[in-house]
Amino acid sequence: MTSLPALLEATKPGTTHHGFLTAPVNPATQISVHVIRGPHPGPTLLITAGVHGAEYASIEAAYQMARTDPLNLTGTLVVLPIVNPTAFFERSIYINPIDGKNLNRMFPGRAQGTYAERLAYWLHEHYLTRTDALLDLHGGDLVEALEPFSVYTRDHQPSRDLGRAFGLPHLLPSSSAGVSISIATSHNIPAIIAEAGGQGRWTTQDVRRLTDGCFRVMTSLGMITGAAEALPITEHHEFAWLHAPRAGLWRPQVTVGEHVQAGQHLGTLSSLLDSEQQTFMAPNAGVVLFLVSSLAMNEGDPLIGIGAGTHDDHG
């Protein structure tokens, strides 16, 4: 029993199912699954976390959502709190340690590919495209400071609406290929990535931001009762990322949440001799939504992300 439809059929109305799935990758991977089925039919919401194994606030939030009382639920909530367990136990940053690939760039995956490609294929075939809506919970990695934000697939209005319902302070469109939400929306399934926390921490505040967002979405879908308060959201038109052209010493000069102007000095990257300094300037005016906080920087790694082109909405 590995597919979402099979799990739903095996879980009786008004009950929960907690168990393990065996993903047919090499080596076989055990993924915990939690199915909470309400007594009355309704939407199926899939919550995933742990795509990146060291984004702990999102993982803890997913486990808390797995404790939802089925008797208070219309429809079904399915939670996969650690979809990349190898990365979780290795405390791996960005990538799966078996093949060195970023799982959230591998979708839809390949049935006969590398470890991360096969895991992406299995998730795509059996879960991401078998639900009515997807919340993929993330956060800053071990070396990332982060301002909470949500991302949706550009020009997919149902996903934008989902992000607005989730209610994190910043909302951005994405045209990135290979990510979880792009696969879901290609099947016209509303989907967002919601991010809070970072730097190896899972504070009560960041976990609460994510669980509150999940409950707000469930309210908007009619899965739970109640009225969700309208929260102020800043919508950005672009998400500008800067990457390291080489390895070296990274010294940021701004902080997350800071408003920057186009051309403003963001930080420097120096060689290991602490020479050949390269200066990075803001390509756009906007808000710093994440930055790498470690001194160590590898070639190709992200340095900083700026939400540009803003529209404030106070509900």
C-alpha atoms as a PDB file:
ATOM      1  CA  MET A   1       0.000   0.000   0.000  1.00  0.00           C
ATOM      2  CA  THR A   2       2.082   2.909  -1.279  1.00  0.00           C
ATOM      3  CA  SER A   3      -0.320   5.183  -3.146  1.00  0.00           C
ATOM      4  CA  LEU A   4      -2.478   7.951  -1.725  1.00  0.00           C
ATOM      5  CA  PRO A   5      -5.764   6.480  -3.064  1.00  0.00           C
ATOM      6  CA  ALA A   6      -4.964   3.156  -1.377  1.00  0.00           C
ATOM      7  CA  LEU A   7      -4.260   4.890   1.941  1.00  0.00           C
ATOM      8  CA  LEU A   8      -7.511   6.819   1.772  1.00  0.00           C
ATOM      9  CA  GLU A   9      -9.471   3.666   1.060  1.00  0.00           C
ATOM     10  CA  ALA A  10      -7.833   1.859   3.993  1.00  0.00           C
ATOM     11  CA  THR A  11      -8.588   4.639   6.518  1.00  0.00           C
ATOM     12  CA  LYS A  12     -12.144   4.566   7.841  1.00  0.00           C
ATOM     13  CA  PRO A  13     -14.106   7.819   8.242  1.00  0.00           C
ATOM     14  CA  GLY A  14     -13.533   9.446  11.624  1.00  0.00           C
ATOM     15  CA  THR A  15     -10.192   7.680  12.216  1.00  0.00           C
ATOM     16  CA  THR A  16      -6.472   8.188  11.752  1.00  0.00           C
ATOM     17  CA  HIS A  17      -3.763   5.992  10.280  1.00  0.00           C
ATOM     18  CA  HIS A  18      -0.104   6.309  11.240  1.00  0.00           C
ATOM     19  CA  GLY A  19       2.461   4.128   9.537  1.00  0.00           C
ATOM     20  CA  PHE A  20       5.362   3.892   7.128  1.00  0.00           C
ATOM     21  CA  LEU A  21       5.594   3.889   3.371  1.00  0.00           C
ATOM     22  CA  THR A  22       8.398   2.148   1.552  1.00  0.00           C
ATOM     23  CA  ALA A  23       9.559   4.249  -1.359  1.00  0.00           C
ATOM     24  CA  PRO A  24      10.969   1.926  -4.034  1.00  0.00           C
ATOM     25  CA  VAL A  25      14.278   3.729  -4.404  1.00  0.00           C
ATOM     26  CA  ASN A  26      17.735   2.281  -3.920  1.00  0.00           C
ATOM     27  CA  PRO A  27      18.207   1.793  -1.040  1.00  0.00           C
ATOM     28  CA  ALA A  28      14.580   1.431   0.071  1.00  0.00           C
ATOM     29  CA  THR A  29      13.406   4.436   2.060  1.00  0.00           C
ATOM     30  CA  GLN A  30      10.903   4.407   4.932  1.00  0.00           C
ATOM     31  CA  ILE A  31       8.702   7.509   5.027  1.00  0.00           C
ATOM     32  CA  SER A  32       6.255   8.106   7.861  1.00  0.00           C
ATOM     33  CA  VAL A  33       2.689   8.855   6.801  1.00  0.00           C
ATOM     34  CA  HIS A  34      -0.257  10.179   8.774  1.00  0.00           C
ATOM     35  CA  VAL A  35      -3.805  10.052   7.399  1.00  0.00           C
ATOM     36  CA  ILE A  36      -6.531  11.921   9.280  1.00  0.00           C
ATOM     37  CA  ARG A  37      -9.928  11.217   7.751  1.00  0.00           C
ATOM     38  CA  GLY A  38     -12.961  13.124   8.928  1.00  0.00           C
ATOM     39  CA  PRO A  39     -16.373  11.515   9.388  1.00  0.00           C
ATOM     40  CA  HIS A  40     -17.770  13.409   6.391  1.00  0.00           C
ATOM     41  CA  PRO A  41     -16.431  13.546   2.819  1.00  0.00           C
ATOM     42  CA  GLY A  42     -14.609  16.623   1.621  1.00  0.00           C
ATOM     43  CA  PRO A  43     -11.333  17.795   0.113  1.00  0.00           C
ATOM     44  CA  THR A  44      -8.049  15.935   0.481  1.00  0.00           C
ATOM     45  CA  LEU A  45      -5.175  18.171   1.593  1.00  0.00           C
ATOM     46  CA  LEU A  46      -1.595  16.908   1.393  1.00  0.00           C
ATOM     47  CA  ILE A  47       1.033  18.456   3.668  1.00  0.00           C
ATOM     48  CA  THR A  48       4.653  17.582   2.958  1.00  0.00           C
ATOM     49  CA  ALA A  49       7.823  18.620   4.768  1.00  0.00           C
ATOM     50  CA  GLY A  50      11.437  17.559   4.969  1.00  0.00           C
ATOM     51  CA  VAL A  51      12.106  17.828   1.235  1.00  0.00           C
ATOM     52  CA  HIS A  52      15.223  19.517   2.572  1.00  0.00           C
ATOM     53  CA  GLY A  53      16.190  17.479   5.594  1.00  0.00           C
ATOM     54  CA  ALA A  54      17.481  20.228   7.899  1.00  0.00           C
ATOM     55  CA  GLU A  55      14.560  22.655   7.647  1.00  0.00           C
ATOM     56  CA  TYR A  56      13.351  21.761  11.102  1.00  0.00           C
ATOM     57  CA  ALA A  57      10.533  24.230  11.798  1.00  0.00           C
ATOM     58  CA  SER A  58       8.620  22.871   8.810  1.00  0.00           C
ATOM     59  CA  ILE A  59       9.124  19.265   9.905  1.00  0.00           C
ATOM     60  CA  GLU A  60       7.963  19.965  13.451  1.00  0.00           C
ATOM     61  CA  ALA A  61       4.948  21.860  12.099  1.00  0.00           C
ATOM     62  CA  ALA A  62       4.006  18.891   9.920  1.00  0.00           C
ATOM     63  CA  TYR A  63       4.183  16.535  12.896  1.00  0.00           C
ATOM     64  CA  GLN A  64       1.929  18.861  14.863  1.00  0.00           C
ATOM     65  CA  MET A  65      -0.572  18.902  12.000  1.00  0.00           C
ATOM     66  CA  ALA A  66      -0.556  15.092  12.055  1.00  0.00           C
ATOM     67  CA  ARG A  67      -2.180  15.302  15.519  1.00  0.00           C
ATOM     68  CA  THR A  68      -5.352  16.886  14.112  1.00  0.00           C
ATOM     69  CA  ASP A  69      -8.506  15.340  15.576  1.00  0.00           C
ATOM     70  CA  PRO A  70     -10.382  13.552  12.763  1.00  0.00           C
ATOM     71  CA  LEU A  71     -13.730  14.270  14.412  1.00  0.00           C
ATOM     72  CA  ASN A  72     -13.147  18.001  13.840  1.00  0.00           C
ATOM     73  CA  LEU A  73     -12.407  17.500  10.167  1.00  0.00           C
ATOM     74  CA  THR A  74     -14.399  17.406   6.940  1.00  0.00           C
ATOM     75  CA  GLY A  75     -12.450  15.594   4.262  1.00  0.00           C
ATOM     76  CA  THR A  76      -8.988  14.116   4.691  1.00  0.00           C
ATOM     77  CA  LEU A  77      -5.626  15.473   5.795  1.00  0.00           C
ATOM     78  CA  VAL A  78      -2.534  13.522   4.708  1.00  0.00           C
ATOM     79  CA  VAL A  79       0.848  14.414   6.203  1.00  0.00           C
ATOM     80  CA  LEU A  80       4.285  13.274   5.040  1.00  0.00           C
ATOM     81  CA  PRO A  81       6.512  15.071   7.573  1.00  0.00           C
ATOM     82  CA  ILE A  82       9.918  13.849   6.336  1.00  0.00           C
ATOM     83  CA  VAL A  83       9.856  12.935   2.654  1.00  0.00           C
ATOM     84  CA  ASN A  84      13.668  12.925   2.430  1.00  0.00           C
ATOM     85  CA  PRO A  85      14.705  10.953   5.545  1.00  0.00           C
ATOM     86  CA  THR A  86      18.262  10.287   4.383  1.00  0.00           C
ATOM     87  CA  ALA A  87      18.899  14.029   4.228  1.00  0.00           C
ATOM     88  CA  PHE A  88      17.191  14.461   7.613  1.00  0.00           C
ATOM     89  CA  PHE A  89      19.377  11.991   9.494  1.00  0.00           C
ATOM     90  CA  GLU A  90      22.548  13.196   7.784  1.00  0.00           C
ATOM     91  CA  ARG A  91      21.620  16.828   8.592  1.00  0.00           C
ATOM     92  CA  SER A  92      22.329  17.520   4.950  1.00  0.00           C
ATOM     93  CA  ILE A  93      22.093  21.058   3.554  1.00  0.00           C
ATOM     94  CA  TYR A  94      20.193  21.471   0.262  1.00  0.00           C
ATOM     95  CA  ILE A  95      20.990  18.054  -1.193  1.00  0.00           C
ATOM     96  CA  ASN A  96      20.366  14.366  -0.690  1.00  0.00           C
ATOM     97  CA  PRO A  97      23.675  12.923   0.541  1.00  0.00           C
ATOM     98  CA  ILE A  98      23.374   9.732  -1.523  1.00  0.00           C
ATOM     99  CA  ASP A  99      23.541  11.351  -4.959  1.00  0.00           C
ATOM    100  CA  GLY A 100      24.271  15.010  -4.169  1.00  0.00           C
ATOM    101  CA  LYS A 101      21.068  16.234  -5.835  1.00  0.00           C
ATOM    102  CA  ASN A 102      18.524  18.758  -4.591  1.00  0.00           C
ATOM    103  CA  LEU A 103      15.212  16.865  -4.368  1.00  0.00           C
ATOM    104  CA  ASN A 104      13.267  20.059  -4.990  1.00  0.00           C
ATOM    105  CA  ARG A 105      14.846  20.442  -8.418  1.00  0.00           C
ATOM    106  CA  MET A 106      14.204  16.837  -9.509  1.00  0.00           C
ATOM    107  CA  PHE A 107      10.428  16.719 -10.099  1.00  0.00           C
ATOM    108  CA  PRO A 108       8.791  14.949 -11.895  1.00  0.00           C
ATOM    109  CA  GLY A 109      11.788  12.664 -11.444  1.00  0.00           C
ATOM    110  CA  ARG A 110      12.824   9.524 -13.300  1.00  0.00           C
ATOM    111  CA  ALA A 111      11.807   5.954 -12.517  1.00  0.00           C
ATOM    112  CA  GLN A 112      15.313   4.680 -13.314  1.00  0.00           C
ATOM    113  CA  GLY A 113      17.299   7.733 -12.246  1.00  0.00           C
ATOM    114  CA  THR A 114      19.513   8.532  -9.279  1.00  0.00           C
ATOM    115  CA  TYR A 115      18.255   8.303  -5.697  1.00  0.00           C
ATOM    116  CA  ALA A 116      16.706  11.795  -5.586  1.00  0.00           C
ATOM    117  CA  GLU A 117      15.282  11.425  -9.101  1.00  0.00           C
ATOM    118  CA  ARG A 118      13.603   8.137  -8.194  1.00  0.00           C
ATOM    119  CA  LEU A 119      12.265   9.551  -4.931  1.00  0.00           C
ATOM    120  CA  ALA A 120      10.855  12.552  -6.813  1.00  0.00           C
ATOM    121  CA  TYR A 121       9.251  10.226  -9.358  1.00  0.00           C
ATOM    122  CA  TRP A 122       7.610   8.136  -6.630  1.00  0.00           C
ATOM    123  CA  LEU A 123       6.284  11.220  -4.805  1.00  0.00           C
ATOM    124  CA  HIS A 124       5.023  12.678  -8.072  1.00  0.00           C
ATOM    125  CA  GLU A 125       3.271   9.526  -9.237  1.00  0.00           C
ATOM    126  CA  HIS A 126       1.649   8.516  -5.955  1.00  0.00           C
ATOM    127  CA  TYR A 127       1.120  11.706  -3.915  1.00  0.00           C
ATOM    128  CA  LEU A 128       1.706  15.165  -5.362  1.00  0.00           C
ATOM    129  CA  THR A 129      -0.768  14.650  -8.197  1.00  0.00           C
ATOM    130  CA  ARG A 130      -3.376  12.661  -6.222  1.00  0.00           C
ATOM    131  CA  THR A 131      -4.608  15.393  -3.889  1.00  0.00           C
ATOM    132  CA  ASP A 132      -6.952  18.383  -4.049  1.00  0.00           C
ATOM    133  CA  ALA A 133      -4.364  20.830  -2.678  1.00  0.00           C
ATOM    134  CA  LEU A 134      -0.709  20.719  -1.617  1.00  0.00           C
ATOM    135  CA  LEU A 135       1.124  22.569   1.151  1.00  0.00           C
ATOM    136  CA  ASP A 136       4.858  21.895   0.888  1.00  0.00           C
ATOM    137  CA  LEU A 137       6.382  23.221   4.112  1.00  0.00           C
ATOM    138  CA  HIS A 138       9.951  24.518   4.071  1.00  0.00           C
ATOM    139  CA  GLY A 139      12.213  26.963   5.895  1.00  0.00           C
ATOM    140  CA  GLY A 140      15.728  28.288   5.916  1.00  0.00           C
ATOM    141  CA  ASP A 141      18.338  25.541   5.838  1.00  0.00           C
ATOM    142  CA  LEU A 142      21.049  25.109   8.487  1.00  0.00           C
ATOM    143  CA  VAL A 143      22.986  28.083   7.112  1.00  0.00           C
ATOM    144  CA  GLU A 144      20.073  30.284   6.032  1.00  0.00           C
ATOM    145  CA  ALA A 145      18.370  33.146   7.847  1.00  0.00           C
ATOM    146  CA  LEU A 146      14.863  33.715   6.546  1.00  0.00           C
ATOM    147  CA  GLU A 147      11.868  36.046   6.637  1.00  0.00           C
ATOM    148  CA  PRO A 148       8.631  33.992   6.365  1.00  0.00           C
ATOM    149  CA  PHE A 149       7.194  33.799   2.848  1.00  0.00           C
ATOM    150  CA  SER A 150       5.130  31.627   0.513  1.00  0.00           C
ATOM    151  CA  VAL A 151       5.752  30.804  -3.148  1.00  0.00           C
ATOM    152  CA  TYR A 152       3.253  29.790  -5.818  1.00  0.00           C
ATOM    153  CA  THR A 153       3.568  28.909  -9.505  1.00  0.00           C
ATOM    154  CA  ARG A 154       3.381  32.074 -11.581  1.00  0.00           C
ATOM    155  CA  ASP A 155       0.015  32.760 -13.270  1.00  0.00           C
ATOM    156  CA  HIS A 156      -1.759  29.935 -11.408  1.00  0.00           C
ATOM    157  CA  GLN A 157      -4.512  31.859  -9.645  1.00  0.00           C
ATOM    158  CA  PRO A 158      -5.801  28.964  -7.456  1.00  0.00           C
ATOM    159  CA  SER A 159      -2.299  28.604  -6.006  1.00  0.00           C
ATOM    160  CA  ARG A 160      -2.010  32.352  -5.449  1.00  0.00           C
ATOM    161  CA  ASP A 161      -5.320  32.190  -3.576  1.00  0.00           C
ATOM    162  CA  LEU A 162      -3.930  29.327  -1.487  1.00  0.00           C
ATOM    163  CA  GLY A 163      -0.877  31.429  -0.606  1.00  0.00           C
ATOM    164  CA  ARG A 164      -3.059  34.340   0.402  1.00  0.00           C
ATOM    165  CA  ALA A 165      -5.141  32.038   2.586  1.00  0.00           C
ATOM    166  CA  PHE A 166      -1.977  30.664   4.248  1.00  0.00           C
ATOM    167  CA  GLY A 167      -1.196  34.203   5.342  1.00  0.00           C
ATOM    168  CA  LEU A 168       2.601  34.464   5.674  1.00  0.00           C
ATOM    169  CA  PRO A 169       3.867  38.072   5.413  1.00  0.00           C
ATOM    170  CA  HIS A 170       5.346  37.739   1.906  1.00  0.00           C
ATOM    171  CA  LEU A 171       3.973  36.023  -1.211  1.00  0.00           C
ATOM    172  CA  LEU A 172       5.868  35.504  -4.466  1.00  0.00           C
ATOM    173  CA  PRO A 173       5.347  33.874  -7.872  1.00  0.00           C
ATOM    174  CA  SER A 174       7.875  31.372  -9.204  1.00  0.00           C
ATOM    175  CA  SER A 175       8.678  30.072 -12.665  1.00  0.00           C
ATOM    176  CA  SER A 176      11.167  27.488 -11.377  1.00  0.00           C
ATOM    177  CA  ALA A 177      11.041  24.066 -12.987  1.00  0.00           C
ATOM    178  CA  GLY A 178      11.585  20.820 -11.127  1.00  0.00           C
ATOM    179  CA  VAL A 179       9.990  21.906  -7.855  1.00  0.00           C
ATOM    180  CA  SER A 180       7.130  20.190  -6.047  1.00  0.00           C
ATOM    181  CA  ILE A 181       4.561  22.898  -6.679  1.00  0.00           C
ATOM    182  CA  SER A 182       5.234  23.139 -10.413  1.00  0.00           C
ATOM    183  CA  ILE A 183       4.338  19.460 -10.785  1.00  0.00           C
ATOM    184  CA  ALA A 184       1.136  19.854  -8.774  1.00  0.00           C
ATOM    185  CA  THR A 185       0.003  22.927 -10.683  1.00  0.00           C
ATOM    186  CA  SER A 186       0.739  21.220 -14.012  1.00  0.00           C
ATOM    187  CA  HIS A 187      -2.189  18.993 -12.972  1.00  0.00           C
ATOM    188  CA  ASN A 188      -4.164  22.112 -11.955  1.00  0.00           C
ATOM    189  CA  ILE A 189      -3.775  21.281  -8.257  1.00  0.00           C
ATOM    190  CA  PRO A 190      -3.413  24.396  -6.056  1.00  0.00           C
ATOM    191  CA  ALA A 191      -0.018  24.242  -4.364  1.00  0.00           C
ATOM    192  CA  ILE A 192       2.359  26.478  -2.435  1.00  0.00           C
ATOM    193  CA  ILE A 193       5.714  26.281  -0.729  1.00  0.00           C
ATOM    194  CA  ALA A 194       5.470  27.937   2.702  1.00  0.00           C
ATOM    195  CA  GLU A 195       8.708  28.869   4.470  1.00  0.00           C
ATOM    196  CA  ALA A 196       9.478  29.861   8.071  1.00  0.00           C
ATOM    197  CA  GLY A 197      12.387  29.297  10.428  1.00  0.00           C
ATOM    198  CA  GLY A 198      15.991  28.522   9.655  1.00  0.00           C
ATOM    199  CA  GLN A 199      19.561  28.130  10.891  1.00  0.00           C
ATOM    200  CA  GLY A 200      18.828  24.791  12.519  1.00  0.00           C
ATOM    201  CA  ARG A 201      16.172  26.169  14.865  1.00  0.00           C
ATOM    202  CA  TRP A 202      12.518  25.294  15.264  1.00  0.00           C
ATOM    203  CA  THR A 203      11.194  28.063  17.484  1.00  0.00           C
ATOM    204  CA  THR A 204       7.645  28.040  18.787  1.00  0.00           C
ATOM    205  CA  GLN A 205       6.937  31.195  16.781  1.00  0.00           C
ATOM    206  CA  ASP A 206       8.085  29.776  13.450  1.00  0.00           C
ATOM    207  CA  VAL A 207       6.351  26.439  13.958  1.00  0.00           C
ATOM    208  CA  ARG A 208       3.178  28.288  14.927  1.00  0.00           C
ATOM    209  CA  ARG A 209       3.373  30.434  11.791  1.00  0.00           C
ATOM    210  CA  LEU A 210       3.305  27.287   9.689  1.00  0.00           C
ATOM    211  CA  THR A 211       0.614  25.423  11.624  1.00  0.00           C
ATOM    212  CA  ASP A 212      -1.565  28.547  11.720  1.00  0.00           C
ATOM    213  CA  GLY A 213      -1.176  28.819   7.954  1.00  0.00           C
ATOM    214  CA  CYS A 214      -2.207  25.199   7.491  1.00  0.00           C
ATOM    215  CA  PHE A 215      -5.304  25.705   9.608  1.00  0.00           C
ATOM    216  CA  ARG A 216      -6.151  28.891   7.696  1.00  0.00           C
ATOM    217  CA  VAL A 217      -5.994  26.947   4.427  1.00  0.00           C
ATOM    218  CA  MET A 218      -8.129  24.163   5.897  1.00  0.00           C
ATOM    219  CA  THR A 219     -10.690  26.781   6.891  1.00  0.00           C
ATOM    220  CA  SER A 220     -10.681  28.238   3.378  1.00  0.00           C
ATOM    221  CA  LEU A 221     -11.230  24.740   1.927  1.00  0.00           C
ATOM    222  CA  GLY A 222     -14.162  24.058   4.251  1.00  0.00           C
ATOM    223  CA  MET A 223     -12.296  21.290   6.096  1.00  0.00           C
ATOM    224  CA  ILE A 224     -12.636  22.939   9.512  1.00  0.00           C
ATOM    225  CA  THR A 225     -15.048  25.548  10.832  1.00  0.00           C
ATOM    226  CA  GLY A 226     -14.198  29.061  11.877  1.00  0.00           C
ATOM    227  CA  ALA A 227     -13.356  32.411  10.362  1.00  0.00           C
ATOM    228  CA  ALA A 228      -9.765  33.152   9.374  1.00  0.00           C
ATOM    229  CA  GLU A 229      -8.694  36.726  10.150  1.00  0.00           C
ATOM    230  CA  ALA A 230      -7.369  38.619   7.125  1.00  0.00           C
ATOM    231  CA  LEU A 231      -3.635  39.203   7.561  1.00  0.00           C
ATOM    232  CA  PRO A 232      -1.469  41.859   5.892  1.00  0.00           C
ATOM    233  CA  ILE A 233       0.472  40.339   2.998  1.00  0.00           C
ATOM    234  CA  THR A 234       3.106  41.930   0.779  1.00  0.00           C
ATOM    235  CA  GLU A 235       2.966  40.446  -2.697  1.00  0.00           C
ATOM    236  CA  HIS A 236       6.144  40.580  -4.768  1.00  0.00           C
ATOM    237  CA  HIS A 237       6.354  40.317  -8.540  1.00  0.00           C
ATOM    238  CA  GLU A 238       9.851  38.827  -8.641  1.00  0.00           C
ATOM    239  CA  PHE A 239      12.168  36.722  -6.467  1.00  0.00           C
ATOM    240  CA  ALA A 240      15.735  37.754  -7.295  1.00  0.00           C
ATOM    241  CA  TRP A 241      18.418  35.254  -6.217  1.00  0.00           C
ATOM    242  CA  LEU A 242      22.154  35.848  -6.235  1.00  0.00           C
ATOM    243  CA  HIS A 243      24.523  32.863  -6.411  1.00  0.00           C
ATOM    244  CA  ALA A 244      28.215  32.456  -5.651  1.00  0.00           C
ATOM    245  CA  PRO A 245      30.325  32.291  -8.838  1.00  0.00           C
ATOM    246  CA  ARG A 246      33.096  30.556  -6.879  1.00  0.00           C
ATOM    247  CA  ALA A 247      33.906  29.212  -3.421  1.00  0.00           C
ATOM    248  CA  GLY A 248      35.175  31.545  -0.729  1.00  0.00           C
ATOM    249  CA  LEU A 249      34.383  33.590   2.359  1.00  0.00           C
ATOM    250  CA  TRP A 250      30.917  35.180   2.339  1.00  0.00           C
ATOM    251  CA  ARG A 251      30.322  38.298   4.433  1.00  0.00           C
ATOM    252  CA  PRO A 252      26.771  39.648   4.113  1.00  0.00           C
ATOM    253  CA  GLN A 253      26.213  43.310   4.947  1.00  0.00           C
ATOM    254  CA  VAL A 254      22.416  43.207   5.221  1.00  0.00           C
ATOM    255  CA  THR A 255      19.922  41.264   7.322  1.00  0.00           C
ATOM    256  CA  VAL A 256      16.709  39.392   6.540  1.00  0.00           C
ATOM    257  CA  GLY A 257      13.658  41.613   6.503  1.00  0.00           C
ATOM    258  CA  GLU A 258      15.745  44.621   5.498  1.00  0.00           C
ATOM    259  CA  HIS A 259      14.486  46.828   2.667  1.00  0.00           C
ATOM    260  CA  VAL A 260      17.234  47.433   0.122  1.00  0.00           C
ATOM    261  CA  GLN A 261      17.573  49.740  -2.855  1.00  0.00           C
ATOM    262  CA  ALA A 262      18.744  48.771  -6.333  1.00  0.00           C
ATOM    263  CA  GLY A 263      22.526  48.962  -6.377  1.00  0.00           C
ATOM    264  CA  GLN A 264      22.868  48.725  -2.593  1.00  0.00           C
ATOM    265  CA  HIS A 265      25.879  46.820  -1.257  1.00  0.00           C
ATOM    266  CA  LEU A 266      24.719  43.378  -0.073  1.00  0.00           C
ATOM    267  CA  GLY A 267      27.956  41.624   0.840  1.00  0.00           C
ATOM    268  CA  THR A 268      31.342  40.432  -0.326  1.00  0.00           C
ATOM    269  CA  LEU A 269      32.894  37.125  -1.379  1.00  0.00           C
ATOM    270  CA  SER A 270      36.641  36.718  -0.866  1.00  0.00           C
ATOM    271  CA  SER A 271      39.140  34.017  -1.734  1.00  0.00           C
ATOM    272  CA  LEU A 272      40.576  31.770   0.972  1.00  0.00           C
ATOM    273  CA  LEU A 273      43.605  34.083   1.036  1.00  0.00           C
ATOM    274  CA  ASP A 274      41.048  36.775   1.951  1.00  0.00           C
ATOM    275  CA  SER A 275      41.858  38.639  -1.223  1.00  0.00           C
ATOM    276  CA  GLU A 276      40.248  39.028  -4.660  1.00  0.00           C
ATOM    277  CA  GLN A 277      37.151  40.422  -3.012  1.00  0.00           C
ATOM    278  CA  GLN A 278      33.960  40.462  -5.092  1.00  0.00           C
ATOM    279  CA  THR A 279      31.177  42.837  -4.125  1.00  0.00           C
ATOM    280  CA  PHE A 280      27.495  42.027  -4.673  1.00  0.00           C
ATOM    281  CA  MET A 281      24.895  44.716  -5.293  1.00  0.00           C
ATOM    282  CA  ALA A 282      21.114  44.476  -5.140  1.00  0.00           C
ATOM    283  CA  PRO A 283      19.746  43.941  -8.664  1.00  0.00           C
ATOM    284  CA  ASN A 284      16.367  45.339  -7.608  1.00  0.00           C
ATOM    285  CA  ALA A 285      14.810  47.286  -4.795  1.00  0.00           C
ATOM    286  CA  GLY A 286      12.971  44.996  -2.402  1.00  0.00           C
ATOM    287  CA  VAL A 287      13.042  43.019   0.831  1.00  0.00           C
ATOM    288  CA  VAL A 288      15.743  40.532   1.824  1.00  0.00           C
ATOM    289  CA  LEU A 289      13.774  37.307   2.314  1.00  0.00           C
ATOM    290  CA  PHE A 290      16.690  34.944   2.882  1.00  0.00           C
ATOM    291  CA  LEU A 291      20.449  35.019   3.083  1.00  0.00           C
ATOM    292  CA  VAL A 292      23.167  32.498   3.768  1.00  0.00           C
ATOM    293  CA  SER A 293      24.643  33.252   7.176  1.00  0.00           C
ATOM    294  CA  SER A 294      27.711  31.010   7.054  1.00  0.00           C
ATOM    295  CA  LEU A 295      31.201  32.284   6.301  1.00  0.00           C
ATOM    296  CA  ALA A 296      31.827  29.242   4.094  1.00  0.00           C
ATOM    297  CA  MET A 297      30.466  29.517   0.568  1.00  0.00           C
ATOM    298  CA  ASN A 298      30.583  26.958  -2.243  1.00  0.00           C
ATOM    299  CA  GLU A 299      30.513  27.673  -5.943  1.00  0.00           C
ATOM    300  CA  GLY A 300      26.939  27.844  -7.213  1.00  0.00           C
ATOM    301  CA  ASP A 301      25.320  28.113  -3.784  1.00  0.00           C
ATOM    302  CA  PRO A 302      22.673  30.788  -3.179  1.00  0.00           C
ATOM    303  CA  LEU A 303      23.865  33.903  -1.382  1.00  0.00           C
ATOM    304  CA  ILE A 304      20.700  35.914  -0.913  1.00  0.00           C
ATOM    305  CA  GLY A 305      17.110  36.240  -2.136  1.00  0.00           C
ATOM    306  CA  ILE A 306      15.222  39.510  -2.568  1.00  0.00           C
ATOM    307  CA  GLY A 307      11.481  39.937  -2.981  1.00  0.00           C
ATOM    308  CA  ALA A 308      11.141  42.724  -5.545  1.00  0.00           C
ATOM    309  CA  GLY A 309       8.241  44.713  -6.936  1.00  0.00           C
ATOM    310  CA  THR A 310       5.845  44.931  -4.016  1.00  0.00           C
ATOM    311  CA  HIS A 311       2.141  45.375  -3.527  1.00  0.00           C
ATOM    312  CA  ASP A 312       0.902  45.661   0.057  1.00  0.00           C
ATOM    313  CA  ASP A 313      -2.483  44.161   0.886  1.00  0.00           C
ATOM    314  CA  HIS A 314      -3.905  44.668   4.343  1.00  0.00           C
ATOM    315  CA  GLY A 315      -6.928  42.455   3.815  1.00  0.00           C
END
